[in-house]
Amino acid sequence: MKKRLASLALLLILCLLLALPALAESDRELPLVCDTFGLLTEEQAEALNAKAERYSQEYACDIIVVVVEDTDFYDVEEFTEGVYRKYNYGWGSDKSGVILLMSMTERDYDLAAYGYGNTAFTDFGKDQLMKDVKPYLRNNDWYGGFSKYLDLCADYLRQ
C-alpha cells in the first residue's frame, strides 16, 4: 500500500513538473494531460499536453485527459467531477471544459463536459467521439487514442 501511494505521489509530481509552463497561464493544478498510471512516455505526455494547451487556448475550453489507477471505490462519474473541481480545471468564469478520465483497475471511463463544453458535447456527440477513440484504446495505443480524442474535441469545438 505504501509503495502504491509513493508511486502515485511520484507520478503526480512528474505531471506537475511537466505542466510548469502551462501553470503560469492558468489556475490549473495539474496538466491537461495527466497520466498517473504510466501509460505514456514522458515525451508522449509532453506532446499531448502541448496539443491540449494549444486547442484549449484556441477554443477557450479546457480539453483534458486524466488516467488513474482506480477511483477509490467512487462511481467514475463522481470521481471525474471531483478531479475536475479539485484540480481547478476549466476555462473562464463558467469553467468550460471536457474531460476524459480513465480508471485502469475498473477498466472504466467517463467523458464529462462543463460550461460551454456542455453545448459542444451533447451525450450523442460524446458517444460518437468515443466510438472513434475506443479502437485505439482497445489496442493499447494510448498515445494514438488520446491524440485522436484531442483532435476530435477540437473539431467539435470548431463546429
N, C-alpha and C. Protein backbone atom coordinates (compact mmCIF):
# COMPACT_ATOMS: atom_id res chain seq x y z
N MET A 1 0.83 -1.19 0.00
CA MET A 1 0.00 0.00 0.00
C MET A 1 0.87 1.26 0.00
N LYS A 2 1.92 1.27 0.87
CA LYS A 2 2.80 2.43 0.91
C LYS A 2 3.53 2.61 -0.41
N LYS A 3 3.91 1.49 -1.02
CA LYS A 3 4.60 1.55 -2.31
C LYS A 3 3.68 2.16 -3.38
N ARG A 4 2.42 1.76 -3.35
CA ARG A 4 1.45 2.27 -4.31
C ARG A 4 1.24 3.77 -4.13
N LEU A 5 1.11 4.22 -2.88
CA LEU A 5 0.92 5.64 -2.62
C LEU A 5 2.16 6.44 -3.01
N ALA A 6 3.33 5.89 -2.75
CA ALA A 6 4.57 6.57 -3.14
C ALA A 6 4.67 6.68 -4.65
N SER A 7 4.29 5.63 -5.36
CA SER A 7 4.31 5.66 -6.83
C SER A 7 3.34 6.70 -7.37
N LEU A 8 2.15 6.75 -6.79
CA LEU A 8 1.15 7.72 -7.22
C LEU A 8 1.64 9.14 -6.96
N ALA A 9 2.23 9.36 -5.78
CA ALA A 9 2.75 10.69 -5.46
C ALA A 9 3.85 11.09 -6.43
N LEU A 10 4.74 10.16 -6.75
CA LEU A 10 5.83 10.44 -7.69
C LEU A 10 5.28 10.81 -9.07
N LEU A 11 4.27 10.07 -9.53
CA LEU A 11 3.69 10.36 -10.83
C LEU A 11 2.97 11.71 -10.85
N LEU A 12 2.30 12.06 -9.74
CA LEU A 12 1.65 13.37 -9.67
C LEU A 12 2.68 14.49 -9.71
N ILE A 13 3.80 14.29 -9.02
CA ILE A 13 4.88 15.28 -9.05
C ILE A 13 5.41 15.42 -10.47
N LEU A 14 5.59 14.29 -11.16
CA LEU A 14 6.05 14.33 -12.55
C LEU A 14 5.07 15.11 -13.41
N CYS A 15 3.78 14.85 -13.24
CA CYS A 15 2.76 15.58 -14.00
C CYS A 15 2.85 17.08 -13.72
N LEU A 16 3.07 17.44 -12.46
CA LEU A 16 3.19 18.85 -12.11
C LEU A 16 4.41 19.49 -12.75
N LEU A 17 5.53 18.77 -12.75
CA LEU A 17 6.74 19.30 -13.36
C LEU A 17 6.57 19.50 -14.86
N LEU A 18 5.88 18.57 -15.52
CA LEU A 18 5.64 18.71 -16.94
C LEU A 18 4.75 19.90 -17.25
N ALA A 19 3.96 20.30 -16.28
CA ALA A 19 2.98 21.35 -16.53
C ALA A 19 3.44 22.73 -16.12
N LEU A 20 4.63 22.89 -15.58
CA LEU A 20 5.04 24.20 -15.07
C LEU A 20 4.85 25.34 -16.06
N PRO A 21 5.23 25.19 -17.33
CA PRO A 21 5.00 26.32 -18.24
C PRO A 21 3.51 26.64 -18.40
N ALA A 22 2.67 25.64 -18.44
CA ALA A 22 1.23 25.87 -18.62
C ALA A 22 0.61 26.48 -17.37
N LEU A 23 1.12 26.11 -16.20
CA LEU A 23 0.53 26.62 -14.98
C LEU A 23 0.69 28.12 -14.84
N ALA A 24 1.70 28.67 -15.46
CA ALA A 24 1.91 30.10 -15.39
C ALA A 24 0.75 30.85 -16.05
N GLU A 25 0.02 30.22 -16.97
CA GLU A 25 -1.04 30.87 -17.70
C GLU A 25 -2.44 30.52 -17.19
N SER A 26 -2.56 29.65 -16.21
CA SER A 26 -3.88 29.24 -15.75
C SER A 26 -3.84 28.94 -14.27
N ASP A 27 -5.03 28.68 -13.73
CA ASP A 27 -5.13 28.32 -12.31
C ASP A 27 -5.13 26.82 -12.10
N ARG A 28 -4.96 26.06 -13.17
CA ARG A 28 -4.97 24.61 -13.06
C ARG A 28 -3.87 24.13 -12.13
N GLU A 29 -4.16 23.04 -11.44
CA GLU A 29 -3.16 22.49 -10.53
C GLU A 29 -2.46 21.27 -11.12
N LEU A 30 -2.97 20.76 -12.22
CA LEU A 30 -2.36 19.64 -12.93
C LEU A 30 -2.36 19.95 -14.42
N PRO A 31 -1.51 19.26 -15.19
CA PRO A 31 -1.53 19.49 -16.64
C PRO A 31 -2.83 18.98 -17.25
N LEU A 32 -3.09 19.42 -18.48
CA LEU A 32 -4.30 18.98 -19.18
C LEU A 32 -4.27 17.48 -19.47
N VAL A 33 -3.09 16.94 -19.73
CA VAL A 33 -2.95 15.50 -19.91
C VAL A 33 -2.13 15.00 -18.73
N CYS A 34 -2.79 14.27 -17.84
CA CYS A 34 -2.15 13.81 -16.61
C CYS A 34 -2.32 12.30 -16.51
N ASP A 35 -1.26 11.58 -16.77
CA ASP A 35 -1.25 10.12 -16.76
C ASP A 35 -0.55 9.64 -15.49
N THR A 36 -1.31 9.44 -14.43
CA THR A 36 -0.71 8.98 -13.18
C THR A 36 -0.49 7.47 -13.18
N PHE A 37 -0.97 6.79 -14.20
CA PHE A 37 -0.82 5.33 -14.28
C PHE A 37 0.44 4.93 -15.04
N GLY A 38 0.95 5.79 -15.89
CA GLY A 38 2.18 5.49 -16.62
C GLY A 38 1.98 4.84 -17.97
N LEU A 39 0.89 5.18 -18.66
CA LEU A 39 0.65 4.62 -19.99
C LEU A 39 1.50 5.30 -21.05
N LEU A 40 1.86 6.56 -20.81
CA LEU A 40 2.58 7.36 -21.79
C LEU A 40 4.03 7.56 -21.38
N THR A 41 4.89 7.70 -22.37
CA THR A 41 6.27 8.09 -22.08
C THR A 41 6.25 9.59 -21.74
N GLU A 42 7.33 10.07 -21.18
CA GLU A 42 7.43 11.49 -20.86
C GLU A 42 7.29 12.35 -22.11
N GLU A 43 7.91 11.90 -23.21
CA GLU A 43 7.84 12.64 -24.47
C GLU A 43 6.41 12.67 -25.02
N GLN A 44 5.72 11.53 -24.93
CA GLN A 44 4.34 11.48 -25.40
C GLN A 44 3.44 12.40 -24.58
N ALA A 45 3.63 12.37 -23.27
CA ALA A 45 2.82 13.22 -22.39
C ALA A 45 3.07 14.69 -22.71
N GLU A 46 4.33 15.07 -22.93
CA GLU A 46 4.65 16.45 -23.27
C GLU A 46 4.01 16.86 -24.60
N ALA A 47 4.07 15.98 -25.60
CA ALA A 47 3.48 16.29 -26.91
C ALA A 47 1.97 16.44 -26.81
N LEU A 48 1.33 15.54 -26.09
CA LEU A 48 -0.13 15.62 -25.92
C LEU A 48 -0.52 16.86 -25.12
N ASN A 49 0.26 17.18 -24.10
CA ASN A 49 -0.01 18.37 -23.31
C ASN A 49 0.07 19.63 -24.16
N ALA A 50 1.09 19.70 -25.02
CA ALA A 50 1.24 20.87 -25.90
C ALA A 50 0.03 21.00 -26.82
N LYS A 51 -0.41 19.87 -27.36
CA LYS A 51 -1.59 19.88 -28.25
C LYS A 51 -2.83 20.30 -27.47
N ALA A 52 -3.01 19.75 -26.28
CA ALA A 52 -4.18 20.08 -25.46
C ALA A 52 -4.17 21.56 -25.08
N GLU A 53 -3.01 22.09 -24.74
CA GLU A 53 -2.90 23.52 -24.41
C GLU A 53 -3.27 24.39 -25.61
N ARG A 54 -2.73 24.02 -26.77
CA ARG A 54 -2.99 24.80 -27.99
C ARG A 54 -4.49 24.83 -28.30
N TYR A 55 -5.12 23.65 -28.30
CA TYR A 55 -6.55 23.58 -28.59
C TYR A 55 -7.38 24.29 -27.51
N SER A 56 -7.01 24.12 -26.26
CA SER A 56 -7.77 24.73 -25.16
C SER A 56 -7.74 26.25 -25.27
N GLN A 57 -6.58 26.79 -25.58
CA GLN A 57 -6.47 28.24 -25.75
C GLN A 57 -7.23 28.72 -26.98
N GLU A 58 -7.13 27.96 -28.06
CA GLU A 58 -7.80 28.36 -29.30
C GLU A 58 -9.31 28.42 -29.14
N TYR A 59 -9.89 27.48 -28.38
CA TYR A 59 -11.34 27.40 -28.25
C TYR A 59 -11.86 27.82 -26.88
N ALA A 60 -10.96 28.34 -26.01
CA ALA A 60 -11.35 28.80 -24.67
C ALA A 60 -12.15 27.75 -23.92
N CYS A 61 -11.66 26.51 -23.99
CA CYS A 61 -12.33 25.38 -23.35
C CYS A 61 -11.26 24.32 -23.06
N ASP A 62 -11.02 24.02 -21.79
CA ASP A 62 -10.01 23.02 -21.45
C ASP A 62 -10.38 21.66 -22.03
N ILE A 63 -9.41 21.01 -22.65
CA ILE A 63 -9.57 19.65 -23.15
C ILE A 63 -8.60 18.79 -22.34
N ILE A 64 -9.14 17.87 -21.56
CA ILE A 64 -8.39 17.20 -20.51
C ILE A 64 -8.44 15.69 -20.67
N VAL A 65 -7.30 15.05 -20.34
CA VAL A 65 -7.21 13.60 -20.23
C VAL A 65 -6.56 13.29 -18.89
N VAL A 66 -7.21 12.49 -18.08
CA VAL A 66 -6.65 12.06 -16.81
C VAL A 66 -6.74 10.54 -16.75
N VAL A 67 -5.61 9.91 -16.43
CA VAL A 67 -5.58 8.45 -16.28
C VAL A 67 -5.16 8.15 -14.85
N VAL A 68 -6.00 7.36 -14.16
CA VAL A 68 -5.72 6.98 -12.77
C VAL A 68 -5.72 5.47 -12.65
N GLU A 69 -5.13 4.99 -11.59
CA GLU A 69 -5.15 3.55 -11.35
C GLU A 69 -6.55 3.07 -11.02
N ASP A 70 -7.21 3.79 -10.07
CA ASP A 70 -8.57 3.43 -9.69
C ASP A 70 -9.29 4.66 -9.16
N THR A 71 -10.56 4.50 -8.90
CA THR A 71 -11.39 5.62 -8.42
C THR A 71 -11.66 5.53 -6.92
N ASP A 72 -10.86 4.74 -6.21
CA ASP A 72 -11.01 4.62 -4.76
C ASP A 72 -12.45 4.30 -4.35
N PHE A 73 -13.08 3.41 -5.10
CA PHE A 73 -14.44 2.93 -4.83
C PHE A 73 -15.53 3.96 -5.10
N TYR A 74 -15.17 5.09 -5.68
CA TYR A 74 -16.18 6.07 -6.10
C TYR A 74 -16.72 5.67 -7.46
N ASP A 75 -17.93 6.10 -7.74
CA ASP A 75 -18.50 5.97 -9.07
C ASP A 75 -17.63 6.82 -10.00
N VAL A 76 -17.36 6.33 -11.22
CA VAL A 76 -16.44 7.02 -12.12
C VAL A 76 -16.91 8.44 -12.45
N GLU A 77 -18.22 8.65 -12.57
CA GLU A 77 -18.72 9.99 -12.86
C GLU A 77 -18.48 10.94 -11.69
N GLU A 78 -18.73 10.45 -10.47
CA GLU A 78 -18.46 11.25 -9.27
C GLU A 78 -16.98 11.59 -9.16
N PHE A 79 -16.15 10.60 -9.42
CA PHE A 79 -14.71 10.78 -9.32
C PHE A 79 -14.23 11.81 -10.34
N THR A 80 -14.76 11.73 -11.56
CA THR A 80 -14.39 12.68 -12.61
C THR A 80 -14.74 14.10 -12.19
N GLU A 81 -15.94 14.29 -11.71
CA GLU A 81 -16.34 15.63 -11.27
C GLU A 81 -15.45 16.13 -10.14
N GLY A 82 -15.11 15.22 -9.21
CA GLY A 82 -14.23 15.59 -8.11
C GLY A 82 -12.85 16.03 -8.59
N VAL A 83 -12.29 15.30 -9.55
CA VAL A 83 -10.98 15.66 -10.12
C VAL A 83 -11.08 17.01 -10.83
N TYR A 84 -12.12 17.20 -11.61
CA TYR A 84 -12.30 18.44 -12.37
C TYR A 84 -12.32 19.64 -11.43
N ARG A 85 -13.08 19.53 -10.37
CA ARG A 85 -13.22 20.65 -9.42
C ARG A 85 -11.98 20.81 -8.54
N LYS A 86 -11.48 19.69 -8.01
CA LYS A 86 -10.35 19.75 -7.07
C LYS A 86 -9.10 20.35 -7.70
N TYR A 87 -8.84 20.01 -8.97
CA TYR A 87 -7.62 20.46 -9.61
C TYR A 87 -7.84 21.69 -10.50
N ASN A 88 -9.00 22.33 -10.30
CA ASN A 88 -9.28 23.63 -10.89
C ASN A 88 -9.19 23.65 -12.42
N TYR A 89 -9.72 22.60 -13.04
CA TYR A 89 -9.80 22.59 -14.49
C TYR A 89 -10.94 23.50 -14.94
N GLY A 90 -10.92 23.89 -16.18
CA GLY A 90 -11.98 24.71 -16.75
C GLY A 90 -11.47 26.07 -17.16
N TRP A 91 -12.06 26.60 -18.20
CA TRP A 91 -11.64 27.86 -18.81
C TRP A 91 -12.69 28.92 -18.52
N GLY A 92 -12.25 30.08 -18.07
CA GLY A 92 -13.15 31.21 -17.88
C GLY A 92 -14.03 31.10 -16.67
N SER A 93 -14.96 32.04 -16.56
CA SER A 93 -15.83 32.10 -15.39
C SER A 93 -16.80 30.92 -15.31
N ASP A 94 -17.15 30.33 -16.46
CA ASP A 94 -18.06 29.19 -16.43
C ASP A 94 -17.31 27.85 -16.38
N LYS A 95 -15.97 27.93 -16.27
CA LYS A 95 -15.12 26.73 -16.13
C LYS A 95 -15.36 25.74 -17.26
N SER A 96 -15.37 26.24 -18.50
CA SER A 96 -15.63 25.41 -19.68
C SER A 96 -14.55 24.36 -19.87
N GLY A 97 -14.99 23.15 -20.14
CA GLY A 97 -14.05 22.08 -20.40
C GLY A 97 -14.72 20.77 -20.73
N VAL A 98 -13.90 19.87 -21.22
CA VAL A 98 -14.32 18.49 -21.45
C VAL A 98 -13.20 17.61 -20.92
N ILE A 99 -13.55 16.59 -20.16
CA ILE A 99 -12.55 15.74 -19.53
C ILE A 99 -12.84 14.27 -19.82
N LEU A 100 -11.80 13.57 -20.24
CA LEU A 100 -11.84 12.12 -20.37
C LEU A 100 -11.02 11.57 -19.21
N LEU A 101 -11.68 10.87 -18.30
CA LEU A 101 -11.00 10.24 -17.18
C LEU A 101 -11.09 8.73 -17.34
N MET A 102 -9.94 8.07 -17.26
CA MET A 102 -9.90 6.62 -17.38
C MET A 102 -9.38 6.02 -16.08
N SER A 103 -10.09 5.00 -15.58
CA SER A 103 -9.67 4.25 -14.41
C SER A 103 -9.21 2.87 -14.89
N MET A 104 -7.93 2.59 -14.73
CA MET A 104 -7.38 1.37 -15.31
C MET A 104 -7.78 0.11 -14.56
N THR A 105 -7.88 0.15 -13.24
CA THR A 105 -8.27 -1.03 -12.48
C THR A 105 -9.70 -1.45 -12.83
N GLU A 106 -10.60 -0.48 -12.86
CA GLU A 106 -12.00 -0.78 -13.17
C GLU A 106 -12.24 -0.94 -14.67
N ARG A 107 -11.24 -0.55 -15.49
CA ARG A 107 -11.40 -0.55 -16.95
C ARG A 107 -12.67 0.22 -17.32
N ASP A 108 -12.77 1.42 -16.75
CA ASP A 108 -13.94 2.25 -16.95
C ASP A 108 -13.48 3.66 -17.30
N TYR A 109 -14.37 4.44 -17.86
CA TYR A 109 -14.04 5.81 -18.20
C TYR A 109 -15.28 6.68 -18.06
N ASP A 110 -15.04 7.99 -18.04
CA ASP A 110 -16.12 8.95 -18.08
C ASP A 110 -15.68 10.09 -18.98
N LEU A 111 -16.59 10.58 -19.77
CA LEU A 111 -16.36 11.75 -20.61
C LEU A 111 -17.40 12.77 -20.19
N ALA A 112 -16.94 13.84 -19.53
CA ALA A 112 -17.85 14.84 -18.98
C ALA A 112 -17.52 16.21 -19.54
N ALA A 113 -18.54 17.05 -19.64
CA ALA A 113 -18.36 18.41 -20.16
C ALA A 113 -18.94 19.41 -19.17
N TYR A 114 -18.34 20.60 -19.17
CA TYR A 114 -18.74 21.65 -18.25
C TYR A 114 -18.78 22.98 -19.00
N GLY A 115 -19.62 23.91 -18.53
CA GLY A 115 -19.70 25.23 -19.15
C GLY A 115 -20.04 25.11 -20.63
N TYR A 116 -19.28 25.84 -21.47
CA TYR A 116 -19.50 25.79 -22.90
C TYR A 116 -19.33 24.38 -23.45
N GLY A 117 -18.53 23.58 -22.78
CA GLY A 117 -18.35 22.19 -23.20
C GLY A 117 -19.66 21.43 -23.29
N ASN A 118 -20.62 21.78 -22.44
CA ASN A 118 -21.94 21.13 -22.50
C ASN A 118 -22.67 21.45 -23.79
N THR A 119 -22.42 22.61 -24.36
CA THR A 119 -23.05 22.99 -25.62
C THR A 119 -22.42 22.22 -26.77
N ALA A 120 -21.10 22.14 -26.76
CA ALA A 120 -20.38 21.49 -27.85
C ALA A 120 -20.45 19.97 -27.79
N PHE A 121 -20.58 19.42 -26.58
CA PHE A 121 -20.52 17.97 -26.40
C PHE A 121 -21.82 17.44 -25.82
N THR A 122 -22.76 17.14 -26.71
CA THR A 122 -24.01 16.51 -26.28
C THR A 122 -23.72 15.06 -25.91
N ASP A 123 -24.68 14.40 -25.29
CA ASP A 123 -24.49 12.97 -24.96
C ASP A 123 -24.26 12.16 -26.23
N PHE A 124 -25.03 12.45 -27.27
CA PHE A 124 -24.86 11.75 -28.54
C PHE A 124 -23.46 12.02 -29.11
N GLY A 125 -23.04 13.27 -29.07
CA GLY A 125 -21.72 13.63 -29.57
C GLY A 125 -20.60 12.94 -28.81
N LYS A 126 -20.75 12.85 -27.50
CA LYS A 126 -19.73 12.15 -26.68
C LYS A 126 -19.66 10.68 -27.07
N ASP A 127 -20.82 10.06 -27.28
CA ASP A 127 -20.84 8.65 -27.69
C ASP A 127 -20.14 8.47 -29.04
N GLN A 128 -20.44 9.37 -29.97
CA GLN A 128 -19.82 9.28 -31.30
C GLN A 128 -18.30 9.48 -31.21
N LEU A 129 -17.89 10.45 -30.42
CA LEU A 129 -16.47 10.73 -30.25
C LEU A 129 -15.75 9.48 -29.72
N MET A 130 -16.32 8.87 -28.70
CA MET A 130 -15.68 7.69 -28.10
C MET A 130 -15.67 6.49 -29.04
N LYS A 131 -16.65 6.40 -29.95
CA LYS A 131 -16.62 5.32 -30.94
C LYS A 131 -15.37 5.40 -31.80
N ASP A 132 -14.90 6.63 -32.06
CA ASP A 132 -13.69 6.80 -32.85
C ASP A 132 -12.41 6.63 -32.04
N VAL A 133 -12.50 6.84 -30.73
CA VAL A 133 -11.31 6.75 -29.87
C VAL A 133 -11.10 5.33 -29.34
N LYS A 134 -12.17 4.63 -29.03
CA LYS A 134 -12.05 3.31 -28.39
C LYS A 134 -11.20 2.30 -29.15
N PRO A 135 -11.24 2.25 -30.48
CA PRO A 135 -10.39 1.26 -31.16
C PRO A 135 -8.90 1.42 -30.82
N TYR A 136 -8.45 2.64 -30.68
CA TYR A 136 -7.05 2.88 -30.29
C TYR A 136 -6.80 2.34 -28.88
N LEU A 137 -7.73 2.65 -27.98
CA LEU A 137 -7.56 2.25 -26.58
C LEU A 137 -7.62 0.73 -26.43
N ARG A 138 -8.51 0.08 -27.18
CA ARG A 138 -8.61 -1.38 -27.13
C ARG A 138 -7.30 -2.05 -27.56
N ASN A 139 -6.57 -1.38 -28.47
CA ASN A 139 -5.29 -1.92 -28.95
C ASN A 139 -4.10 -1.40 -28.15
N ASN A 140 -4.39 -0.79 -26.99
CA ASN A 140 -3.34 -0.24 -26.12
C ASN A 140 -2.50 0.82 -26.82
N ASP A 141 -3.07 1.50 -27.79
CA ASP A 141 -2.41 2.62 -28.44
C ASP A 141 -2.87 3.88 -27.71
N TRP A 142 -2.32 4.07 -26.53
CA TRP A 142 -2.76 5.16 -25.66
C TRP A 142 -2.46 6.51 -26.28
N TYR A 143 -1.26 6.66 -26.80
CA TYR A 143 -0.88 7.93 -27.42
C TYR A 143 -1.80 8.24 -28.61
N GLY A 144 -2.01 7.26 -29.47
CA GLY A 144 -2.88 7.45 -30.63
C GLY A 144 -4.31 7.77 -30.21
N GLY A 145 -4.80 7.08 -29.21
CA GLY A 145 -6.17 7.30 -28.73
C GLY A 145 -6.36 8.68 -28.12
N PHE A 146 -5.40 9.09 -27.28
CA PHE A 146 -5.52 10.40 -26.64
C PHE A 146 -5.33 11.51 -27.66
N SER A 147 -4.45 11.29 -28.63
CA SER A 147 -4.26 12.28 -29.69
C SER A 147 -5.53 12.42 -30.52
N LYS A 148 -6.15 11.30 -30.87
CA LYS A 148 -7.41 11.32 -31.62
C LYS A 148 -8.49 12.04 -30.81
N TYR A 149 -8.57 11.76 -29.52
CA TYR A 149 -9.53 12.42 -28.64
C TYR A 149 -9.35 13.93 -28.67
N LEU A 150 -8.11 14.39 -28.54
CA LEU A 150 -7.84 15.83 -28.56
C LEU A 150 -8.25 16.46 -29.89
N ASP A 151 -7.90 15.78 -30.99
CA ASP A 151 -8.25 16.29 -32.31
C ASP A 151 -9.77 16.35 -32.51
N LEU A 152 -10.47 15.31 -32.07
CA LEU A 152 -11.93 15.29 -32.22
C LEU A 152 -12.59 16.36 -31.35
N CYS A 153 -12.07 16.55 -30.15
CA CYS A 153 -12.62 17.61 -29.28
C CYS A 153 -12.46 18.96 -29.97
N ALA A 154 -11.30 19.20 -30.57
CA ALA A 154 -11.09 20.47 -31.27
C ALA A 154 -12.09 20.59 -32.44
N ASP A 155 -12.33 19.50 -33.15
CA ASP A 155 -13.31 19.52 -34.24
C ASP A 155 -14.71 19.88 -33.73
N TYR A 156 -15.11 19.26 -32.60
CA TYR A 156 -16.43 19.55 -32.04
C TYR A 156 -16.52 21.02 -31.62
N LEU A 157 -15.47 21.52 -31.00
CA LEU A 157 -15.48 22.92 -30.55
C LEU A 157 -15.47 23.88 -31.73
N ARG A 158 -14.81 23.51 -32.81
CA ARG A 158 -14.75 24.33 -34.02
C ARG A 158 -16.15 24.48 -34.63
N GLN A 159 -16.94 23.41 -34.55
CA GLN A 159 -18.27 23.42 -35.14
C GLN A 159 -19.21 24.24 -34.28
